[in-house]
Amino acid sequence: MNVDKNRLEFLKRDAVQGFTKEIGLTPLSMKPGEFSTSIKIKKHLRQQDGFVHAGVIAAMADHTAGYACYSLVPESHRILSVEFKISYFRPASGEYLECRAWVSKPGKQILFTEAEVYSVKGKTKTLIAKAMHTMASVPKEKIAK
């Protein structure tokens, strides 16, 4: 599927607001059905033992996967998470986190995604979590506020 480059640039800017801005999420790359982000690991993102809080990792995976989906749906639609499962392989430390998400099965209403989160220190990338998501594509006017 071809997606207008202006739309992709808009989505990269749109991805950083509210909570994602607070945790320092930065878009790295986007193409149709794929999105990559990073977060510099700062003290306020760590839990009591000094590792990145699991909630930050989950939010990063969910949000990155959502924007991978958002790149495939009409501009009049929004993406809402229906469910997701995340598996943590090891604690996250290092300089920053990197997340890569892709749509594994697109659909008109339901999309399935996968996301991998890596901890990066120097040139070493370590897979720390993997998530699977079910996302819904919903017309903007049908979303209750």
N, C-alpha and C. Protein backbone atom coordinates (compact mmCIF):
# COMPACT_ATOMS: atom_id res chain seq x y z
N MET A 1 0.84 -1.18 0.00
CA MET A 1 0.00 0.00 0.00
C MET A 1 0.88 1.24 0.00
N ASN A 2 0.60 2.16 -0.89
CA ASN A 2 1.32 3.42 -0.92
C ASN A 2 0.67 4.41 0.01
N VAL A 3 1.48 5.07 0.80
CA VAL A 3 0.99 6.10 1.69
C VAL A 3 1.74 7.37 1.35
N ASP A 4 1.01 8.45 1.20
CA ASP A 4 1.58 9.75 0.88
C ASP A 4 2.68 10.11 1.88
N LYS A 5 3.83 10.60 1.38
CA LYS A 5 4.94 10.97 2.26
C LYS A 5 4.54 12.07 3.24
N ASN A 6 3.68 12.98 2.83
CA ASN A 6 3.21 14.03 3.74
C ASN A 6 2.44 13.43 4.90
N ARG A 7 1.64 12.40 4.62
CA ARG A 7 0.88 11.72 5.69
C ARG A 7 1.85 11.06 6.67
N LEU A 8 2.88 10.40 6.17
CA LEU A 8 3.85 9.76 7.04
C LEU A 8 4.56 10.80 7.91
N GLU A 9 4.92 11.93 7.34
CA GLU A 9 5.58 12.98 8.14
C GLU A 9 4.62 13.53 9.19
N PHE A 10 3.35 13.70 8.82
CA PHE A 10 2.35 14.15 9.80
C PHE A 10 2.24 13.15 10.95
N LEU A 11 2.18 11.87 10.63
CA LEU A 11 2.04 10.85 11.67
C LEU A 11 3.25 10.81 12.59
N LYS A 12 4.44 11.02 12.05
CA LYS A 12 5.64 11.05 12.89
C LYS A 12 5.56 12.21 13.89
N ARG A 13 5.06 13.37 13.44
CA ARG A 13 4.90 14.52 14.36
C ARG A 13 3.77 14.27 15.35
N ASP A 14 2.68 13.69 14.87
CA ASP A 14 1.49 13.44 15.70
C ASP A 14 1.77 12.44 16.81
N ALA A 15 2.75 11.58 16.60
CA ALA A 15 3.05 10.51 17.56
C ALA A 15 3.62 11.03 18.88
N VAL A 16 4.06 12.26 18.91
CA VAL A 16 4.71 12.79 20.11
C VAL A 16 3.89 13.93 20.70
N GLN A 17 3.02 13.57 21.62
CA GLN A 17 2.20 14.54 22.34
C GLN A 17 1.68 13.89 23.60
N GLY A 18 1.28 14.68 24.55
CA GLY A 18 0.75 14.13 25.79
C GLY A 18 1.75 13.23 26.49
N PHE A 19 1.29 12.04 26.85
CA PHE A 19 2.11 11.09 27.62
C PHE A 19 3.40 10.72 26.89
N THR A 20 3.31 10.49 25.58
CA THR A 20 4.52 10.08 24.85
C THR A 20 5.56 11.20 24.85
N LYS A 21 5.12 12.43 24.86
CA LYS A 21 6.05 13.55 24.96
C LYS A 21 6.71 13.56 26.34
N GLU A 22 5.90 13.28 27.38
CA GLU A 22 6.41 13.27 28.76
C GLU A 22 7.50 12.21 28.98
N ILE A 23 7.37 11.07 28.32
CA ILE A 23 8.38 10.02 28.51
C ILE A 23 9.53 10.14 27.52
N GLY A 24 9.45 11.12 26.62
CA GLY A 24 10.55 11.38 25.70
C GLY A 24 10.58 10.51 24.46
N LEU A 25 9.44 9.99 24.04
CA LEU A 25 9.38 9.15 22.85
C LEU A 25 9.77 9.97 21.62
N THR A 26 10.63 9.40 20.79
CA THR A 26 11.08 10.07 19.58
C THR A 26 10.90 9.12 18.40
N PRO A 27 10.20 9.55 17.36
CA PRO A 27 10.09 8.71 16.16
C PRO A 27 11.45 8.57 15.47
N LEU A 28 11.75 7.38 15.03
CA LEU A 28 12.99 7.13 14.28
C LEU A 28 12.71 6.98 12.80
N SER A 29 11.72 6.13 12.48
CA SER A 29 11.38 5.91 11.08
C SER A 29 9.95 5.42 10.97
N MET A 30 9.38 5.65 9.80
CA MET A 30 8.02 5.19 9.54
C MET A 30 7.89 4.92 8.05
N LYS A 31 7.26 3.80 7.76
CA LYS A 31 6.83 3.50 6.41
C LYS A 31 5.52 2.75 6.54
N PRO A 32 4.80 2.55 5.47
CA PRO A 32 3.49 1.92 5.60
C PRO A 32 3.55 0.59 6.37
N GLY A 33 2.81 0.55 7.49
CA GLY A 33 2.73 -0.64 8.30
C GLY A 33 3.87 -0.86 9.26
N GLU A 34 4.80 0.08 9.35
CA GLU A 34 5.95 -0.06 10.25
C GLU A 34 6.25 1.28 10.92
N PHE A 35 6.70 1.21 12.17
CA PHE A 35 7.07 2.42 12.91
C PHE A 35 8.14 2.05 13.91
N SER A 36 9.14 2.92 14.06
CA SER A 36 10.21 2.72 15.03
C SER A 36 10.36 3.97 15.87
N THR A 37 10.60 3.77 17.17
CA THR A 37 10.74 4.88 18.09
C THR A 37 11.90 4.62 19.05
N SER A 38 12.28 5.66 19.78
CA SER A 38 13.28 5.50 20.83
C SER A 38 12.91 6.37 22.02
N ILE A 39 13.46 6.02 23.17
CA ILE A 39 13.31 6.80 24.40
C ILE A 39 14.65 6.80 25.10
N LYS A 40 15.17 7.99 25.38
CA LYS A 40 16.39 8.08 26.17
C LYS A 40 16.04 7.71 27.60
N ILE A 41 16.83 6.82 28.19
CA ILE A 41 16.54 6.36 29.55
C ILE A 41 17.00 7.42 30.55
N LYS A 42 16.02 7.97 31.25
CA LYS A 42 16.29 8.99 32.28
C LYS A 42 15.84 8.46 33.64
N LYS A 43 16.32 9.09 34.68
CA LYS A 43 16.05 8.63 36.04
C LYS A 43 14.56 8.48 36.34
N HIS A 44 13.73 9.42 35.90
CA HIS A 44 12.30 9.37 36.24
C HIS A 44 11.55 8.23 35.54
N LEU A 45 12.20 7.53 34.61
CA LEU A 45 11.58 6.40 33.93
C LEU A 45 11.95 5.06 34.59
N ARG A 46 12.76 5.14 35.62
CA ARG A 46 13.25 3.92 36.28
C ARG A 46 12.39 3.57 37.49
N GLN A 47 12.36 2.28 37.80
CA GLN A 47 11.67 1.82 39.01
C GLN A 47 12.66 1.74 40.16
N GLN A 48 12.24 1.19 41.29
CA GLN A 48 13.03 1.20 42.52
C GLN A 48 14.38 0.49 42.43
N ASP A 49 14.54 -0.46 41.52
CA ASP A 49 15.80 -1.18 41.39
C ASP A 49 16.71 -0.59 40.30
N GLY A 50 16.26 0.50 39.69
CA GLY A 50 17.08 1.18 38.69
C GLY A 50 16.82 0.77 37.25
N PHE A 51 15.91 -0.17 37.03
CA PHE A 51 15.58 -0.58 35.67
C PHE A 51 14.43 0.27 35.14
N VAL A 52 14.29 0.33 33.81
CA VAL A 52 13.17 1.06 33.23
C VAL A 52 11.87 0.39 33.67
N HIS A 53 10.91 1.21 34.08
CA HIS A 53 9.63 0.70 34.56
C HIS A 53 8.92 -0.07 33.44
N ALA A 54 8.34 -1.21 33.79
CA ALA A 54 7.63 -2.05 32.81
C ALA A 54 6.51 -1.29 32.11
N GLY A 55 5.88 -0.36 32.82
CA GLY A 55 4.81 0.43 32.22
C GLY A 55 5.30 1.32 31.10
N VAL A 56 6.50 1.83 31.20
CA VAL A 56 7.09 2.66 30.14
C VAL A 56 7.32 1.80 28.90
N ILE A 57 7.84 0.60 29.13
CA ILE A 57 8.11 -0.32 28.01
C ILE A 57 6.81 -0.72 27.33
N ALA A 58 5.79 -1.03 28.12
CA ALA A 58 4.49 -1.41 27.56
C ALA A 58 3.87 -0.26 26.78
N ALA A 59 3.94 0.94 27.34
CA ALA A 59 3.37 2.11 26.65
C ALA A 59 4.10 2.36 25.34
N MET A 60 5.41 2.22 25.35
CA MET A 60 6.20 2.41 24.13
C MET A 60 5.80 1.41 23.06
N ALA A 61 5.69 0.13 23.44
CA ALA A 61 5.32 -0.91 22.47
C ALA A 61 3.92 -0.68 21.93
N ASP A 62 2.98 -0.35 22.81
CA ASP A 62 1.60 -0.12 22.40
C ASP A 62 1.48 1.08 21.47
N HIS A 63 2.12 2.16 21.83
CA HIS A 63 2.03 3.38 21.03
C HIS A 63 2.71 3.21 19.66
N THR A 64 3.87 2.59 19.67
CA THR A 64 4.60 2.38 18.42
C THR A 64 3.80 1.47 17.48
N ALA A 65 3.21 0.42 18.03
CA ALA A 65 2.38 -0.48 17.22
C ALA A 65 1.14 0.24 16.71
N GLY A 66 0.56 1.09 17.54
CA GLY A 66 -0.62 1.85 17.11
C GLY A 66 -0.33 2.74 15.92
N TYR A 67 0.82 3.39 15.92
CA TYR A 67 1.17 4.25 14.79
C TYR A 67 1.57 3.45 13.55
N ALA A 68 2.07 2.23 13.73
CA ALA A 68 2.29 1.37 12.56
C ALA A 68 0.95 1.11 11.88
N CYS A 69 -0.10 0.88 12.70
CA CYS A 69 -1.45 0.68 12.17
C CYS A 69 -2.00 1.97 11.56
N TYR A 70 -1.80 3.06 12.28
CA TYR A 70 -2.34 4.35 11.85
C TYR A 70 -1.85 4.72 10.45
N SER A 71 -0.68 4.24 10.07
CA SER A 71 -0.14 4.54 8.75
C SER A 71 -0.90 3.83 7.63
N LEU A 72 -1.75 2.86 7.98
CA LEU A 72 -2.47 2.07 6.97
C LEU A 72 -3.95 2.38 6.86
N VAL A 73 -4.49 3.17 7.79
CA VAL A 73 -5.94 3.41 7.78
C VAL A 73 -6.25 4.79 7.21
N PRO A 74 -7.51 5.01 6.81
CA PRO A 74 -7.87 6.33 6.28
C PRO A 74 -7.63 7.43 7.33
N GLU A 75 -7.36 8.64 6.85
CA GLU A 75 -7.13 9.77 7.74
C GLU A 75 -8.32 10.04 8.66
N SER A 76 -9.51 9.63 8.26
CA SER A 76 -10.72 9.87 9.06
C SER A 76 -10.88 8.86 10.20
N HIS A 77 -9.97 7.91 10.31
CA HIS A 77 -10.05 6.88 11.33
C HIS A 77 -9.01 7.10 12.42
N ARG A 78 -9.25 6.49 13.55
CA ARG A 78 -8.32 6.47 14.67
C ARG A 78 -8.04 5.02 15.02
N ILE A 79 -6.94 4.78 15.70
CA ILE A 79 -6.57 3.43 16.12
C ILE A 79 -6.74 3.33 17.63
N LEU A 80 -7.44 2.30 18.05
CA LEU A 80 -7.64 2.03 19.48
C LEU A 80 -7.14 0.62 19.78
N SER A 81 -6.43 0.47 20.89
CA SER A 81 -5.97 -0.85 21.31
C SER A 81 -7.15 -1.65 21.84
N VAL A 82 -7.30 -2.86 21.35
CA VAL A 82 -8.34 -3.77 21.82
C VAL A 82 -7.76 -4.67 22.90
N GLU A 83 -6.57 -5.20 22.63
CA GLU A 83 -5.87 -6.01 23.63
C GLU A 83 -4.40 -6.08 23.25
N PHE A 84 -3.56 -6.33 24.25
CA PHE A 84 -2.19 -6.63 23.93
C PHE A 84 -1.57 -7.49 25.02
N LYS A 85 -0.56 -8.24 24.59
CA LYS A 85 0.19 -9.10 25.49
C LYS A 85 1.65 -8.71 25.33
N ILE A 86 2.32 -8.59 26.45
CA ILE A 86 3.74 -8.26 26.39
C ILE A 86 4.52 -9.26 27.24
N SER A 87 5.63 -9.71 26.72
CA SER A 87 6.53 -10.60 27.45
C SER A 87 7.84 -9.85 27.66
N TYR A 88 8.28 -9.85 28.92
CA TYR A 88 9.55 -9.20 29.28
C TYR A 88 10.61 -10.28 29.40
N PHE A 89 11.71 -10.11 28.67
CA PHE A 89 12.77 -11.11 28.67
C PHE A 89 13.87 -10.81 29.68
N ARG A 90 14.10 -9.53 29.92
CA ARG A 90 15.12 -9.13 30.90
C ARG A 90 14.90 -7.68 31.27
N PRO A 91 15.45 -7.25 32.40
CA PRO A 91 15.29 -5.85 32.81
C PRO A 91 15.96 -4.90 31.81
N ALA A 92 15.40 -3.72 31.69
CA ALA A 92 15.92 -2.73 30.74
C ALA A 92 16.82 -1.73 31.44
N SER A 93 18.02 -1.61 30.93
CA SER A 93 18.94 -0.57 31.36
C SER A 93 19.70 -0.15 30.11
N GLY A 94 20.65 0.71 30.25
CA GLY A 94 21.40 1.16 29.09
C GLY A 94 21.20 2.65 28.87
N GLU A 95 21.44 3.09 27.65
CA GLU A 95 21.35 4.51 27.31
C GLU A 95 19.96 4.89 26.80
N TYR A 96 19.38 4.02 26.01
CA TYR A 96 18.03 4.28 25.50
C TYR A 96 17.33 2.99 25.11
N LEU A 97 16.03 3.12 24.92
CA LEU A 97 15.22 2.02 24.42
C LEU A 97 14.91 2.28 22.96
N GLU A 98 14.78 1.22 22.20
CA GLU A 98 14.38 1.33 20.81
C GLU A 98 13.26 0.33 20.58
N CYS A 99 12.20 0.76 19.91
CA CYS A 99 11.07 -0.11 19.62
C CYS A 99 10.81 -0.14 18.13
N ARG A 100 10.59 -1.34 17.62
CA ARG A 100 10.25 -1.53 16.22
C ARG A 100 8.93 -2.30 16.19
N ALA A 101 7.94 -1.73 15.51
CA ALA A 101 6.62 -2.37 15.42
C ALA A 101 6.20 -2.50 13.97
N TRP A 102 5.43 -3.53 13.69
CA TRP A 102 4.95 -3.75 12.33
C TRP A 102 3.57 -4.41 12.39
N VAL A 103 2.81 -4.15 11.34
CA VAL A 103 1.48 -4.75 11.20
C VAL A 103 1.68 -6.12 10.58
N SER A 104 1.31 -7.16 11.32
CA SER A 104 1.48 -8.52 10.80
C SER A 104 0.27 -8.98 10.00
N LYS A 105 -0.91 -8.43 10.31
CA LYS A 105 -2.11 -8.74 9.53
C LYS A 105 -3.01 -7.52 9.51
N PRO A 106 -3.01 -6.79 8.39
CA PRO A 106 -3.89 -5.63 8.28
C PRO A 106 -5.33 -6.06 7.98
N GLY A 107 -6.25 -5.21 8.34
CA GLY A 107 -7.65 -5.42 8.03
C GLY A 107 -8.36 -4.08 8.01
N LYS A 108 -9.59 -4.07 7.53
CA LYS A 108 -10.34 -2.81 7.48
C LYS A 108 -10.73 -2.32 8.86
N GLN A 109 -11.08 -3.24 9.77
CA GLN A 109 -11.50 -2.86 11.11
C GLN A 109 -10.54 -3.35 12.20
N ILE A 110 -9.98 -4.53 12.03
CA ILE A 110 -9.08 -5.11 13.02
C ILE A 110 -7.72 -5.34 12.39
N LEU A 111 -6.68 -4.90 13.11
CA LEU A 111 -5.31 -5.07 12.65
C LEU A 111 -4.51 -5.75 13.75
N PHE A 112 -3.58 -6.61 13.37
CA PHE A 112 -2.74 -7.31 14.33
C PHE A 112 -1.30 -6.83 14.14
N THR A 113 -0.64 -6.58 15.26
CA THR A 113 0.72 -6.06 15.20
C THR A 113 1.65 -6.84 16.12
N GLU A 114 2.93 -6.64 15.89
CA GLU A 114 3.97 -7.14 16.77
C GLU A 114 4.94 -6.00 17.02
N ALA A 115 5.55 -6.02 18.19
CA ALA A 115 6.54 -4.99 18.52
C ALA A 115 7.67 -5.64 19.31
N GLU A 116 8.87 -5.17 19.05
CA GLU A 116 10.04 -5.60 19.80
C GLU A 116 10.68 -4.37 20.42
N VAL A 117 11.05 -4.49 21.69
CA VAL A 117 11.71 -3.40 22.40
C VAL A 117 13.12 -3.85 22.77
N TYR A 118 14.07 -3.00 22.45
CA TYR A 118 15.48 -3.27 22.71
C TYR A 118 16.05 -2.25 23.68
N SER A 119 16.95 -2.70 24.53
CA SER A 119 17.75 -1.82 25.36
C SER A 119 19.07 -1.63 24.63
N VAL A 120 19.51 -0.38 24.50
CA VAL A 120 20.72 -0.10 23.74
C VAL A 120 21.77 0.55 24.63
N LYS A 121 22.96 -0.04 24.61
CA LYS A 121 24.10 0.53 25.34
C LYS A 121 25.29 0.46 24.40
N GLY A 122 25.78 1.63 23.99
CA GLY A 122 26.86 1.67 23.01
C GLY A 122 26.37 1.06 21.70
N LYS A 123 27.09 0.07 21.21
CA LYS A 123 26.70 -0.60 19.96
C LYS A 123 25.93 -1.89 20.22
N THR A 124 25.65 -2.17 21.50
CA THR A 124 24.97 -3.41 21.85
C THR A 124 23.47 -3.20 22.01
N LYS A 125 22.69 -3.95 21.25
CA LYS A 125 21.22 -3.94 21.34
C LYS A 125 20.79 -5.26 21.93
N THR A 126 19.97 -5.19 22.99
CA THR A 126 19.48 -6.39 23.65
C THR A 126 17.97 -6.40 23.62
N LEU A 127 17.38 -7.47 23.07
CA LEU A 127 15.93 -7.61 23.06
C LEU A 127 15.45 -7.81 24.50
N ILE A 128 14.60 -6.89 24.96
CA ILE A 128 14.12 -6.98 26.34
C ILE A 128 12.64 -7.31 26.45
N ALA A 129 11.88 -7.07 25.36
CA ALA A 129 10.43 -7.35 25.42
C ALA A 129 9.88 -7.54 24.02
N LYS A 130 8.82 -8.31 23.96
CA LYS A 130 8.10 -8.50 22.69
C LYS A 130 6.61 -8.42 23.00
N ALA A 131 5.88 -7.72 22.15
CA ALA A 131 4.44 -7.54 22.37
C ALA A 131 3.66 -7.90 21.11
N MET A 132 2.43 -8.35 21.34
CA MET A 132 1.48 -8.62 20.26
C MET A 132 0.22 -7.84 20.59
N HIS A 133 -0.34 -7.19 19.57
CA HIS A 133 -1.49 -6.31 19.78
C HIS A 133 -2.63 -6.63 18.81
N THR A 134 -3.83 -6.36 19.27
CA THR A 134 -5.00 -6.32 18.42
C THR A 134 -5.48 -4.88 18.46
N MET A 135 -5.60 -4.27 17.30
CA MET A 135 -5.98 -2.86 17.21
C MET A 135 -7.26 -2.73 16.38
N ALA A 136 -8.06 -1.73 16.74
CA ALA A 136 -9.29 -1.46 15.99
C ALA A 136 -9.14 -0.14 15.24
N SER A 137 -9.56 -0.13 14.00
CA SER A 137 -9.63 1.08 13.20
C SER A 137 -11.07 1.59 13.29
N VAL A 138 -11.23 2.77 13.88
CA VAL A 138 -12.56 3.30 14.19
C VAL A 138 -12.73 4.68 13.56
N PRO A 139 -13.85 4.92 12.85
CA PRO A 139 -14.08 6.27 12.34
C PRO A 139 -14.08 7.28 13.49
N LYS A 140 -13.40 8.39 13.29
CA LYS A 140 -13.24 9.41 14.32
C LYS A 140 -14.57 9.82 14.93
N GLU A 141 -15.60 9.96 14.13
CA GLU A 141 -16.91 10.42 14.66
C GLU A 141 -17.60 9.39 15.55
N LYS A 142 -17.15 8.14 15.53
CA LYS A 142 -17.77 7.11 16.37
C LYS A 142 -17.11 6.94 17.73
N ILE A 143 -16.05 7.70 17.96
CA ILE A 143 -15.34 7.60 19.23
C ILE A 143 -16.02 8.50 20.25
N ALA A 144 -16.49 7.91 21.35
CA ALA A 144 -17.16 8.66 22.42
C ALA A 144 -16.12 9.47 23.18
N LYS A 145 -16.49 10.68 23.51
CA LYS A 145 -15.57 11.53 24.28
C LYS A 145 -16.13 11.83 25.63
